[in-house]
Amino acid sequence: MFSLKWGTQLVDEENNTLLKIRNENQLVNKGTYIFKIEDKSVSDFEILLSLFGHIYGSNLKTKATIAGTIS
């Protein structure tokens, strides 16, 4: 799930937020992230997988922005 306030959210089947991840600096990715764990049952693996998805998605968004600017 994408939002302007939080970059990545992990939700359950009932659409309840379990975990939120965003870059500390929303304009420039400096590799520092803020995690907000909403549900204590979230496993370490789910956190790690969500972080991977967040970083991967952020890099794709950056590349798309650069490619769009060049074209």
C-alpha atoms as a PDB file:
ATOM      1  CA  MET A   1       0.000   0.000   0.000  1.00  0.00           C
ATOM      2  CA  PHE A   2       1.365   3.427  -0.922  1.00  0.00           C
ATOM      3  CA  SER A   3       0.772   6.693   0.885  1.00  0.00           C
ATOM      4  CA  LEU A   4       2.437  10.066   0.999  1.00  0.00           C
ATOM      5  CA  LYS A   5       2.849   9.941   4.765  1.00  0.00           C
ATOM      6  CA  TRP A   6       4.098   6.351   4.986  1.00  0.00           C
ATOM      7  CA  GLY A   7       6.019   4.750   2.136  1.00  0.00           C
ATOM      8  CA  THR A   8       5.181   1.083   2.745  1.00  0.00           C
ATOM      9  CA  GLN A   9       2.502  -0.562   4.845  1.00  0.00           C
ATOM     10  CA  LEU A  10       1.976  -4.215   5.703  1.00  0.00           C
ATOM     11  CA  VAL A  11      -1.717  -4.978   6.234  1.00  0.00           C
ATOM     12  CA  ASP A  12      -3.641  -8.112   7.188  1.00  0.00           C
ATOM     13  CA  GLU A  13      -6.591  -9.700   5.374  1.00  0.00           C
ATOM     14  CA  GLU A  14      -8.980  -7.302   7.139  1.00  0.00           C
ATOM     15  CA  ASN A  15      -6.951  -4.276   5.969  1.00  0.00           C
ATOM     16  CA  ASN A  16      -5.613  -3.548   9.474  1.00  0.00           C
ATOM     17  CA  THR A  17      -2.160  -1.973   9.410  1.00  0.00           C
ATOM     18  CA  LEU A  18       0.507  -4.216  10.950  1.00  0.00           C
ATOM     19  CA  LEU A  19       3.692  -2.345  10.012  1.00  0.00           C
ATOM     20  CA  LYS A  20       4.687   0.955   8.394  1.00  0.00           C
ATOM     21  CA  ILE A  21       8.069   1.845   6.887  1.00  0.00           C
ATOM     22  CA  ARG A  22       9.240   5.159   5.447  1.00  0.00           C
ATOM     23  CA  ASN A  23      12.482   6.941   4.667  1.00  0.00           C
ATOM     24  CA  GLU A  24      13.668   9.278   7.410  1.00  0.00           C
ATOM     25  CA  ASN A  25      14.220  11.990   4.806  1.00  0.00           C
ATOM     26  CA  GLN A  26      11.312  11.899   2.361  1.00  0.00           C
ATOM     27  CA  LEU A  27      13.122  13.922  -0.328  1.00  0.00           C
ATOM     28  CA  VAL A  28      16.499  12.151  -0.395  1.00  0.00           C
ATOM     29  CA  ASN A  29      17.035   8.471   0.438  1.00  0.00           C
ATOM     30  CA  LYS A  30      19.963   8.405   2.865  1.00  0.00           C
ATOM     31  CA  GLY A  31      19.419   4.767   3.850  1.00  0.00           C
ATOM     32  CA  THR A  32      17.796   5.609   7.186  1.00  0.00           C
ATOM     33  CA  TYR A  33      14.281   4.283   7.749  1.00  0.00           C
ATOM     34  CA  ILE A  34      11.530   4.759  10.320  1.00  0.00           C
ATOM     35  CA  PHE A  35       9.531   1.691  11.356  1.00  0.00           C
ATOM     36  CA  LYS A  36       6.187   1.826  13.147  1.00  0.00           C
ATOM     37  CA  ILE A  37       5.054  -1.604  14.295  1.00  0.00           C
ATOM     38  CA  GLU A  38       1.304  -1.519  14.920  1.00  0.00           C
ATOM     39  CA  ASP A  39       0.900  -5.201  15.844  1.00  0.00           C
ATOM     40  CA  LYS A  40       3.402  -7.034  18.071  1.00  0.00           C
ATOM     41  CA  SER A  41       2.701 -10.335  16.281  1.00  0.00           C
ATOM     42  CA  VAL A  42       4.628  -9.186  13.173  1.00  0.00           C
ATOM     43  CA  SER A  43       7.584 -11.537  12.719  1.00  0.00           C
ATOM     44  CA  ASP A  44      11.180 -10.535  12.022  1.00  0.00           C
ATOM     45  CA  PHE A  45      10.862 -12.149   8.590  1.00  0.00           C
ATOM     46  CA  GLU A  46       7.795 -10.034   7.736  1.00  0.00           C
ATOM     47  CA  ILE A  47       9.664  -6.889   8.797  1.00  0.00           C
ATOM     48  CA  LEU A  48      12.682  -7.847   6.698  1.00  0.00           C
ATOM     49  CA  LEU A  49      10.545  -8.722   3.672  1.00  0.00           C
ATOM     50  CA  SER A  50       8.639  -5.435   3.983  1.00  0.00           C
ATOM     51  CA  LEU A  51      11.917  -3.494   4.207  1.00  0.00           C
ATOM     52  CA  PHE A  52      13.179  -5.240   1.072  1.00  0.00           C
ATOM     53  CA  GLY A  53       9.950  -4.327  -0.748  1.00  0.00           C
ATOM     54  CA  HIS A  54      10.221  -0.734   0.448  1.00  0.00           C
ATOM     55  CA  ILE A  55      13.827  -0.330  -0.717  1.00  0.00           C
ATOM     56  CA  TYR A  56      13.143  -2.076  -4.040  1.00  0.00           C
ATOM     57  CA  GLY A  57      10.044   0.052  -4.693  1.00  0.00           C
ATOM     58  CA  SER A  58      11.844   3.267  -3.750  1.00  0.00           C
ATOM     59  CA  ASN A  59      14.678   2.492  -6.172  1.00  0.00           C
ATOM     60  CA  LEU A  60      12.220   1.756  -8.998  1.00  0.00           C
ATOM     61  CA  LYS A  61      10.368   5.008  -8.303  1.00  0.00           C
ATOM     62  CA  THR A  62      13.644   6.959  -8.398  1.00  0.00           C
ATOM     63  CA  LYS A  63      14.699   5.345 -11.686  1.00  0.00           C
ATOM     64  CA  ALA A  64      11.278   6.023 -13.242  1.00  0.00           C
ATOM     65  CA  THR A  65      11.455   9.657 -12.171  1.00  0.00           C
ATOM     66  CA  ILE A  66      14.921  10.074 -13.695  1.00  0.00           C
ATOM     67  CA  ALA A  67      13.883   8.324 -16.919  1.00  0.00           C
ATOM     68  CA  GLY A  68      10.767  10.504 -17.162  1.00  0.00           C
ATOM     69  CA  THR A  69      12.815  13.635 -16.645  1.00  0.00           C
ATOM     70  CA  ILE A  70      15.302  12.679 -19.371  1.00  0.00           C
ATOM     71  CA  SER A  71      12.656  11.798 -21.981  1.00  0.00           C
END
